[in-house]
Protein backbone atom coordinates (compact mmCIF):
# COMPACT_ATOMS: atom_id res chain seq x y z
CA UNK A 1 37.38 -51.92 118.39
CA UNK A 2 34.64 -53.96 116.76
CA UNK A 3 35.52 -57.27 115.12
CA UNK A 4 33.70 -56.65 111.88
CA UNK A 5 33.08 -53.82 109.44
CA UNK A 6 29.46 -53.50 110.45
CA UNK A 7 30.10 -49.85 111.32
CA UNK A 8 28.81 -47.71 114.16
CA UNK A 9 25.81 -48.42 116.35
CA UNK A 10 22.60 -46.56 115.62
CA UNK A 11 21.01 -44.43 118.30
CA UNK A 12 18.40 -46.99 119.30
CA UNK A 13 21.09 -49.63 119.94
CA UNK A 14 22.70 -47.64 122.77
CA UNK A 15 21.74 -48.50 126.39
CA UNK A 16 19.69 -45.74 128.00
CA UNK A 17 22.18 -45.27 130.85
CA UNK A 18 24.85 -44.23 128.31
CA UNK A 19 22.69 -41.46 126.82
CA UNK A 20 21.94 -37.99 128.16
CA UNK A 21 18.61 -37.28 129.82
CA UNK A 22 17.15 -34.53 127.65
CA UNK A 23 13.70 -35.38 129.01
CA UNK A 24 14.77 -33.44 132.10
CA UNK A 25 14.58 -30.32 129.89
CA UNK A 26 11.34 -31.14 128.06
CA UNK A 27 9.60 -34.46 128.89
CA UNK A 28 8.38 -34.77 125.30
CA UNK A 29 8.83 -33.05 121.96
CA UNK A 30 5.26 -31.82 122.32
CA UNK A 31 6.26 -29.92 125.46
CA UNK A 32 9.04 -28.28 123.45
CA UNK A 33 6.51 -27.33 120.77
CA UNK A 34 4.18 -25.75 123.35
CA UNK A 35 6.96 -23.60 124.79
CA UNK A 36 8.10 -22.70 121.28
CA UNK A 37 4.61 -21.41 120.42
CA UNK A 38 4.31 -19.61 123.78
CA UNK A 39 7.62 -17.82 123.28
CA UNK A 40 6.62 -16.81 119.76
CA UNK A 41 3.66 -15.00 121.31
CA UNK A 42 5.59 -13.48 124.23
CA UNK A 43 8.74 -11.95 122.79
CA UNK A 44 6.94 -9.43 120.50
CA UNK A 45 5.66 -7.80 123.72
CA UNK A 46 9.00 -5.98 123.73
CA UNK A 47 7.33 -3.49 121.39
CA UNK A 48 5.55 -1.93 124.38
CA UNK A 49 8.91 -0.47 125.45
CA UNK A 50 9.88 0.97 122.07
CA UNK A 51 10.54 4.70 122.25
CA UNK A 52 10.06 4.71 126.06
CA UNK A 53 13.29 3.28 127.47
CA UNK A 54 14.90 6.66 128.08
CA UNK A 55 11.79 8.07 129.78
CA UNK A 56 12.57 6.67 133.25
CA UNK A 57 14.89 4.38 135.20
CA UNK A 58 11.89 2.08 135.76
CA UNK A 59 11.34 1.64 132.01
CA UNK A 60 15.01 0.82 131.51
CA UNK A 61 14.92 -1.69 134.38
CA UNK A 62 11.77 -3.37 133.08
CA UNK A 63 13.11 -3.81 129.56
CA UNK A 64 16.31 -5.40 130.87
CA UNK A 65 14.33 -7.76 133.12
CA UNK A 66 12.05 -8.69 130.22
CA UNK A 67 15.10 -9.32 128.03
CA UNK A 68 16.54 -11.68 130.68
CA UNK A 69 13.32 -13.68 130.94
CA UNK A 70 12.91 -14.11 127.19
CA UNK A 71 16.58 -14.95 126.65
CA UNK A 72 16.74 -17.81 129.18
CA UNK A 73 13.54 -19.33 127.79
CA UNK A 74 14.98 -19.16 124.29
CA UNK A 75 18.25 -20.74 125.46
CA UNK A 76 16.32 -23.63 126.97
CA UNK A 77 14.49 -24.22 123.69
CA UNK A 78 17.68 -23.94 121.69
CA UNK A 79 19.90 -26.28 123.75
CA UNK A 80 17.26 -29.02 123.65
CA UNK A 81 16.90 -28.65 119.88
CA UNK A 82 20.62 -28.51 119.08
CA UNK A 83 21.46 -31.46 121.35
CA UNK A 84 18.65 -33.57 119.88
CA UNK A 85 20.01 -32.71 116.43
CA UNK A 86 23.63 -33.39 117.44
CA UNK A 87 22.85 -36.88 118.75
CA UNK A 88 21.79 -37.80 115.20
CA UNK A 89 22.53 -35.12 112.61
CA UNK A 90 20.78 -37.13 109.92
CA UNK A 91 17.43 -37.06 111.77
CA UNK A 92 15.25 -34.72 109.71
CA UNK A 93 12.77 -34.13 112.55
CA UNK A 94 15.45 -32.69 114.82
CA UNK A 95 17.16 -30.89 111.94
CA UNK A 96 13.88 -29.04 111.48
CA UNK A 97 13.46 -28.40 115.19
CA UNK A 98 16.98 -27.01 115.43
CA UNK A 99 16.47 -24.82 112.37
CA UNK A 100 13.24 -23.41 113.83
CA UNK A 101 14.99 -22.64 117.12
CA UNK A 102 17.71 -20.77 115.23
CA UNK A 103 15.08 -18.91 113.23
CA UNK A 104 13.20 -17.94 116.39
CA UNK A 105 16.46 -16.63 117.86
CA UNK A 106 17.01 -14.51 114.76
CA UNK A 107 13.51 -13.01 114.95
CA UNK A 108 13.94 -12.32 118.66
CA UNK A 109 17.27 -10.55 118.07
CA UNK A 110 15.56 -8.46 115.42
CA UNK A 111 12.65 -7.59 117.72
CA UNK A 112 15.04 -6.55 120.51
CA UNK A 113 17.46 -4.74 118.20
CA UNK A 114 16.15 -1.27 119.14
CA UNK A 115 17.06 -1.69 122.82
CA UNK A 116 20.79 -0.94 122.71
CA UNK A 117 20.52 1.98 120.22
CA UNK A 118 17.75 3.46 122.37
CA UNK A 119 19.85 3.18 125.53
CA UNK A 120 22.68 4.88 123.64
CA UNK A 121 20.36 7.71 122.64
CA UNK A 122 21.01 8.86 126.21
CA UNK A 123 24.30 10.44 127.20
CA UNK A 124 26.64 8.64 129.58
CA UNK A 125 25.71 11.18 132.25
CA UNK A 126 22.00 10.42 131.79
CA UNK A 127 22.64 6.68 132.14
CA UNK A 128 24.71 7.34 135.28
CA UNK A 129 21.79 9.39 136.60
CA UNK A 130 19.39 6.48 136.07
CA UNK A 131 21.79 4.20 137.97
CA UNK A 132 21.82 6.62 140.91
CA UNK A 133 18.01 6.93 140.96
CA UNK A 134 17.08 3.23 141.06
CA UNK A 135 18.81 0.73 143.34
CA UNK A 136 17.52 -2.28 141.38
CA UNK A 137 19.06 -0.90 138.23
CA UNK A 138 22.52 -1.11 139.76
CA UNK A 139 22.31 -4.88 139.18
CA UNK A 140 22.66 -4.04 135.48
CA UNK A 141 25.52 -1.59 135.95
CA UNK A 142 28.08 -3.79 134.20
CA UNK A 143 25.70 -4.34 131.28
CA UNK A 144 25.10 -0.62 130.92
CA UNK A 145 28.80 0.23 131.13
CA UNK A 146 29.54 -2.37 128.46
CA UNK A 147 26.85 -0.79 126.27
CA UNK A 148 28.36 2.67 126.79
CA UNK A 149 31.77 1.30 125.82
CA UNK A 150 30.32 -0.16 122.61
CA UNK A 151 29.09 3.19 121.22
CA UNK A 152 31.46 3.21 118.20
CA UNK A 153 30.18 -0.19 117.06
CA UNK A 154 26.41 0.07 117.63
CA UNK A 155 24.30 1.04 114.64
CA UNK A 156 20.86 2.59 114.32
CA UNK A 157 17.87 0.51 115.36
CA UNK A 158 16.97 -0.18 111.71
CA UNK A 159 20.52 -1.23 110.87
CA UNK A 160 20.70 -3.41 113.98
CA UNK A 161 17.41 -5.07 113.00
CA UNK A 162 18.77 -5.76 109.50
CA UNK A 163 21.97 -7.30 110.87
CA UNK A 164 19.91 -9.49 113.20
CA UNK A 165 17.70 -10.73 110.37
CA UNK A 166 20.64 -11.49 108.07
CA UNK A 167 22.33 -13.62 110.77
CA UNK A 168 20.17 -16.59 109.80
CA UNK A 169 21.51 -16.36 106.26
CA UNK A 170 25.14 -15.82 107.25
CA UNK A 171 25.10 -18.95 109.43
CA UNK A 172 24.66 -21.08 106.29
CA UNK A 173 28.39 -21.85 105.74
CA UNK A 174 28.80 -23.15 109.30
CA UNK A 175 25.58 -25.18 109.11
CA UNK A 176 26.56 -26.67 105.74
CA UNK A 177 29.97 -27.73 107.08
CA UNK A 178 28.34 -29.36 110.12
CA UNK A 179 25.94 -31.41 108.04
CA UNK A 180 28.62 -32.55 105.61
CA UNK A 181 31.15 -33.39 108.34
CA UNK A 182 28.74 -35.19 110.68
CA UNK A 183 25.84 -36.55 108.64
CA UNK A 184 26.92 -37.05 105.03
CA UNK A 185 30.56 -38.13 105.05
CA UNK A 186 31.15 -41.90 105.08
CA UNK A 187 34.66 -43.12 105.88
CA UNK A 188 36.03 -46.39 104.45
CA UNK A 189 36.89 -49.64 106.18
CA UNK A 190 40.54 -50.28 107.05
CA UNK A 191 42.55 -53.02 108.80
CA UNK A 192 43.42 -52.72 112.48
CA UNK A 193 46.58 -54.14 114.11
CA UNK A 194 45.04 -57.62 114.16
CA UNK A 195 44.11 -57.51 110.49
CA UNK A 196 40.40 -57.12 111.23
CA UNK A 197 38.17 -54.85 109.14
CA UNK A 198 36.99 -51.78 111.04
CA UNK A 199 35.06 -48.83 109.67
CA UNK A 200 36.95 -45.58 110.21
CA UNK A 201 35.08 -42.82 112.06
CA UNK A 202 35.87 -39.50 113.73
CA UNK A 203 36.03 -41.18 117.12
CA UNK A 204 38.01 -44.25 116.05
CA UNK A 205 40.57 -42.22 114.11
CA UNK A 206 42.61 -41.39 117.21
CA UNK A 207 42.67 -45.08 118.22
CA UNK A 208 44.29 -45.89 114.89
CA UNK A 209 46.87 -43.13 115.36
CA UNK A 210 47.80 -44.71 118.70
CA UNK A 211 48.73 -47.95 116.93
CA UNK A 212 52.34 -49.17 117.19
CA UNK A 213 52.06 -50.32 113.57
CA UNK A 214 53.04 -47.41 111.31
CA UNK A 215 51.16 -48.91 108.36
CA UNK A 216 47.93 -48.87 110.39
CA UNK A 217 48.54 -45.22 111.30
CA UNK A 218 49.38 -44.31 107.72
CA UNK A 219 46.33 -46.09 106.27
CA UNK A 220 44.01 -44.40 108.78
CA UNK A 221 45.52 -40.99 108.07
CA UNK A 222 45.24 -41.42 104.30
CA UNK A 223 41.72 -42.82 104.51
CA UNK A 224 40.60 -39.87 106.65
CA UNK A 225 42.15 -37.13 104.54
CA UNK A 226 41.46 -38.75 101.18
CA UNK A 227 37.79 -38.82 102.19
CA UNK A 228 37.83 -35.15 103.15
CA UNK A 229 39.81 -34.42 99.99
CA UNK A 230 36.91 -35.56 97.86
CA UNK A 231 35.01 -32.52 99.17
CA UNK A 232 37.88 -30.02 99.12
CA UNK A 233 36.01 -27.57 96.89
CA UNK A 234 32.89 -27.70 99.05
CA UNK A 235 34.90 -27.16 102.24
CA UNK A 236 36.77 -24.30 100.56
CA UNK A 237 33.44 -22.70 99.67
CA UNK A 238 32.07 -23.02 103.21
CA UNK A 239 35.28 -21.57 104.67
CA UNK A 240 35.23 -18.70 102.19
CA UNK A 241 31.61 -17.97 103.08
CA UNK A 242 32.44 -17.90 106.80
CA UNK A 243 35.38 -15.52 106.24
CA UNK A 244 33.25 -13.20 104.12
CA UNK A 245 30.54 -13.19 106.78
CA UNK A 246 33.04 -12.31 109.55
CA UNK A 247 34.58 -9.53 107.47
CA UNK A 248 31.16 -8.16 106.54
CA UNK A 249 29.96 -7.96 110.14
CA UNK A 250 33.24 -6.40 111.29
CA UNK A 251 33.08 -3.74 108.59
CA UNK A 252 29.40 -3.04 109.27
CA UNK A 253 30.21 -2.48 112.96
CA UNK A 254 33.15 -0.17 112.24
CA UNK A 255 35.95 -2.50 113.28
CA UNK A 256 39.31 -2.51 111.53
CA UNK A 257 39.27 -6.30 111.12
CA UNK A 258 37.31 -9.44 111.89
CA UNK A 259 39.96 -10.32 114.46
CA UNK A 260 39.46 -7.05 116.30
CA UNK A 261 35.69 -7.58 116.26
CA UNK A 262 35.98 -11.14 117.62
CA UNK A 263 38.37 -10.18 120.43
CA UNK A 264 36.37 -7.10 121.40
CA UNK A 265 33.41 -9.28 122.37
CA UNK A 266 35.46 -10.31 125.41
CA UNK A 267 37.29 -7.01 125.95
CA UNK A 268 40.59 -8.51 124.81
CA UNK A 269 43.14 -6.15 123.21
CA UNK A 270 44.68 -7.42 119.97
CA UNK A 271 48.10 -7.10 121.63
CA UNK A 272 47.19 -9.99 123.95
CA UNK A 273 46.60 -12.20 120.90
CA UNK A 274 49.87 -11.06 119.30
CA UNK A 275 51.79 -11.75 122.51
CA UNK A 276 50.33 -15.26 122.69
CA UNK A 277 51.41 -16.08 119.14
CA UNK A 278 54.84 -14.56 119.78
CA UNK A 279 55.32 -16.59 122.98
CA UNK A 280 54.39 -19.82 121.19
CA UNK A 281 56.76 -19.13 118.31
CA UNK A 282 59.60 -18.42 120.74
CA UNK A 283 59.14 -21.84 122.31
CA UNK A 284 58.78 -23.89 119.14
CA UNK A 285 62.35 -25.25 119.50
CA UNK A 286 61.20 -27.15 122.61
CA UNK A 287 58.46 -28.84 120.57
CA UNK A 288 60.94 -29.62 117.81
CA UNK A 289 63.32 -31.21 120.34
CA UNK A 290 60.46 -33.38 121.62
CA UNK A 291 59.67 -34.50 118.07
CA UNK A 292 63.29 -35.51 117.58
CA UNK A 293 63.12 -37.57 120.78
CA UNK A 294 59.88 -39.18 119.59
CA UNK A 295 61.40 -40.07 116.22
CA UNK A 296 64.32 -41.82 117.94
CA UNK A 297 62.06 -43.58 120.46
CA UNK A 298 59.85 -44.93 117.67
CA UNK A 299 62.94 -45.87 115.63
CA UNK A 300 61.74 -43.97 112.56
CA UNK A 301 63.86 -42.51 109.77
CA UNK A 302 61.25 -39.84 109.13
CA UNK A 303 58.43 -38.53 111.32
CA UNK A 304 55.06 -38.01 109.60
CA UNK A 305 51.84 -36.37 110.75
CA UNK A 306 50.36 -39.79 111.46
CA UNK A 307 53.26 -40.53 113.86
CA UNK A 308 53.07 -37.56 116.21
CA UNK A 309 50.23 -38.90 118.40
CA UNK A 310 51.73 -42.36 118.83
CA UNK A 311 52.56 -43.12 122.50
CA UNK A 312 56.22 -43.52 123.41
CA UNK A 313 55.45 -46.56 125.58
CA UNK A 314 54.76 -49.99 124.13
CA UNK A 315 51.87 -50.78 126.44
CA UNK A 316 48.50 -49.61 125.16
CA UNK A 317 46.35 -48.53 128.10
CA UNK A 318 42.65 -49.28 127.79
CA UNK A 319 40.28 -47.26 129.99
CA UNK A 320 36.60 -48.15 130.19
CA UNK A 321 33.87 -45.61 130.90
CA UNK A 322 33.44 -46.85 134.47
CA UNK A 323 37.18 -46.75 135.10
CA UNK A 324 37.43 -43.24 133.68
CA UNK A 325 34.59 -42.02 135.88
CA UNK A 326 36.37 -43.40 138.94
CA UNK A 327 39.78 -41.97 137.98
CA UNK A 328 38.25 -38.54 137.38
CA UNK A 329 36.49 -38.61 140.76
CA UNK A 330 39.73 -39.49 142.55
CA UNK A 331 41.82 -37.06 140.53
CA UNK A 332 39.53 -34.13 141.25
CA UNK A 333 39.13 -34.94 144.94
CA UNK A 334 41.35 -31.96 145.98
CA UNK A 335 38.52 -29.67 144.82
CA UNK A 336 36.40 -30.89 147.73
CA UNK A 337 33.38 -33.01 148.57
CA UNK A 338 30.92 -30.52 147.11
CA UNK A 339 32.70 -30.63 143.75
CA UNK A 340 32.97 -34.42 143.60
CA UNK A 341 29.37 -34.68 144.76
CA UNK A 342 28.30 -32.75 141.67
CA UNK A 343 30.46 -35.02 139.51
CA UNK A 344 28.58 -38.01 140.91
CA UNK A 345 25.33 -36.17 140.25
CA UNK A 346 26.43 -35.72 136.62
CA UNK A 347 27.03 -39.49 136.30
CA UNK A 348 23.85 -40.51 138.11
CA UNK A 349 21.49 -38.03 136.43
CA UNK A 350 22.79 -38.75 132.92
CA UNK A 351 24.31 -35.43 132.00
CA UNK A 352 26.61 -37.25 129.56
CA UNK A 353 25.95 -38.79 126.15
CA UNK A 354 28.79 -41.28 125.92
CA UNK A 355 29.04 -43.39 122.78
CA UNK A 356 29.90 -42.62 119.19
CA UNK A 357 26.93 -43.51 117.00
CA UNK A 358 26.02 -43.20 113.35
CA UNK A 359 25.33 -39.58 112.41
CA UNK A 360 26.32 -38.19 115.82
CA UNK A 361 28.18 -34.89 115.89
CA UNK A 362 31.91 -35.48 116.12
CA UNK A 363 34.18 -34.34 118.95
CA UNK A 364 33.10 -33.40 122.45
CA UNK A 365 31.52 -30.40 124.14
CA UNK A 366 29.75 -29.13 127.23
CA UNK A 367 26.39 -27.46 126.69
CA UNK A 368 23.27 -26.49 128.62
CA UNK A 369 21.56 -23.28 129.68
CA UNK A 370 20.56 -21.27 132.75
CA UNK A 371 17.33 -23.27 133.12
CA UNK A 372 18.87 -26.72 132.51
CA UNK A 373 21.58 -29.03 133.78
CA UNK A 374 24.94 -28.86 132.04
CA UNK A 375 25.26 -31.59 129.41
CA UNK A 376 28.27 -33.26 127.80
CA UNK A 377 28.54 -34.84 124.36
CA UNK A 378 31.26 -37.47 123.99
CA UNK A 379 32.26 -39.94 121.27
CA UNK A 380 33.81 -42.40 123.67
CA UNK A 381 36.74 -44.69 122.90
CA UNK A 382 38.39 -46.78 125.63
CA UNK A 383 41.63 -44.81 125.95
CA UNK A 384 43.46 -42.31 128.14
CA UNK A 385 42.83 -39.45 125.73
CA UNK A 386 39.06 -39.83 126.14
CA UNK A 387 39.43 -39.97 129.92
CA UNK A 388 41.16 -36.58 129.83
CA UNK A 389 38.46 -35.29 127.48
CA UNK A 390 35.89 -36.34 130.09
CA UNK A 391 37.76 -34.45 132.83
CA UNK A 392 38.06 -31.45 130.51
CA UNK A 393 34.37 -31.26 129.62
CA UNK A 394 33.36 -31.81 133.25
CA UNK A 395 35.47 -28.75 134.05
CA UNK A 396 33.30 -26.72 131.69
CA UNK A 397 30.10 -28.26 133.02
CA UNK A 398 30.88 -27.62 136.68
CA UNK A 399 32.05 -24.11 135.83
CA UNK A 400 28.61 -23.60 134.25
CA UNK A 401 26.83 -25.26 137.17
CA UNK A 402 28.48 -23.05 139.80
CA UNK A 403 28.06 -19.92 137.70
CA UNK A 404 24.34 -20.47 137.24
CA UNK A 405 23.87 -21.44 140.88
CA UNK A 406 25.49 -18.22 142.11
CA UNK A 407 24.66 -15.62 139.47
CA UNK A 408 21.49 -14.10 138.05
CA UNK A 409 20.46 -14.83 134.45
CA UNK A 410 22.18 -11.65 133.27
CA UNK A 411 25.55 -12.88 134.56
CA UNK A 412 24.96 -16.65 134.62
CA UNK A 413 27.56 -17.30 131.96
CA UNK A 414 31.27 -16.69 131.43
CA UNK A 415 33.63 -15.45 128.77
CA UNK A 416 35.17 -17.91 126.34
CA UNK A 417 38.50 -16.33 127.29
CA UNK A 418 38.31 -17.83 130.79
CA UNK A 419 36.33 -20.97 129.90
CA UNK A 420 39.40 -23.15 129.37
CA UNK A 421 40.80 -22.37 132.82
CA UNK A 422 38.38 -24.72 134.59
CA UNK A 423 38.75 -27.48 131.99
CA UNK A 424 42.54 -27.50 131.87
CA UNK A 425 42.74 -27.27 135.67
CA UNK A 426 40.74 -30.51 135.80
CA UNK A 427 43.16 -32.13 133.35
CA UNK A 428 46.16 -30.99 135.38
CA UNK A 429 44.70 -32.42 138.59
CA UNK A 430 43.88 -35.73 136.90
CA UNK A 431 47.36 -35.89 135.42
CA UNK A 432 48.92 -35.23 138.83
CA UNK A 433 46.85 -38.00 140.43
CA UNK A 434 47.74 -40.54 137.73
CA UNK A 435 51.46 -39.76 137.97
CA UNK A 436 51.38 -40.20 141.74
CA UNK A 437 49.37 -43.42 141.77
C-alpha cells in the first residue's frame, strides 16, 4: 500500500511495460478512424443480397461469408475502443470512440437483420437441399441448424431491424452503471494496519479485507458500502432499467421469461440452471461449517461480512507481479511447452494491463477479437488472490488464442457456458503446484 493518501496513479505515471500494447491492434487512433470510416462504407453492401438469399446455395454462401468478414472487422474496432475507454473511463475522447463503435455495431445489426428471417423463409427441407448442393456451404451447417432451431423466436425482417436499432437505447442502464462505478465514484481515505492514510479503491478493498485487524476490515467495508449507499436510488434505477430491457426482449422474441431467453442463447435447458441452484443449496451446510471454523480460528464472537475473506493464517503473503508470472508459468507447466510458450509470449508482448489507476475499469477480464491478440485487464495488488486472478484470466486468453488459431471466424469463439472451464482449470493447477512446493 502507498504511504500517503495521494490516491491512485494516473495513466501517464505507469511504466510502459506494465500496460497493454493496443498499438498492435491499431498503431494510432487515426488508423482506427480510417478503418471505422471504411467499415461504414462497406457494411451497407449487404443490401445487394436482400431478397436473393433463397435463390441459390451460392447466394446463401456469399452472404454468410460477407457477414463473417464484416463482423470480425467490427470486433477489431470495438475491442480497441472499449479497452481504450476501460483503461481510463473518464477520458472523454475514448468515451466517444467507444460510443461510436457501439453505435456502428447497432447500425450493422440493423442492416443485417433481414438475413435470418430470409433464411427462415425457406423450409427446413429447402435449407437441407442447399447444404447438399454446395460443399462449401457445409462449413456453415451448424449455423444453419441453429437458425432452423430458432424459428419460434425470430421475427420479421422489419421487427428484427427495429429490435437491432433499439439495442443502443436499451444498453443505457448498463453504460450508466459502468460510468458511475468506474469514473465518477470517489472512495474516502481510511487507516491501514500501520495507521497510515490510504485512499480506498476497488482494487485495494480486498487488501483491507485481508487485514488481521478487524477494525481495519470494518472501516473498509463501511467506507465502501456507505459510498455506494449514497447512490442507492441511481443504482436501483439502472438495475430496474436492465431488468425491464431483458423482459422486453424476451417477450418480443416469444420466450416465457428473460431467464429462458438468456439460457437459450447457449442451448441450455432451464432444468440445468435449476439443478445447479438445487445442488448448491443442498451443500450449504458445508459452507456454514467452514464459517464456524473460521469464526473460532479468528477468535470472534460474531462473524460479519467483512470477516469472511480474512485468511486463517497469521502470515500475510505478498506476491509481486514478477513472482506471480513465475509461479503461474511453473504451475501451468503440466499443460506443455506450447502452452507455457504462449504464456511467455503474453508477458513479453504486453497482452496485460497490470496496475490499478485512476478512472480505470474495476475488476479483471480477458478480451480481444479474432483479428487481435487476447488482452487482459487487471487491477493488480501484491497478493495471492491477484495471482490466482492472473492464472484465471490467462485461462480465458489462451482458450481464445487456441480457438482462433484453429477455427474459422464463424466458429472462432466459445460459449460462455464453457468459458470458465479453462480459467478454473488454470487455478486448480496453480493451486496444486503451490500446495506441493
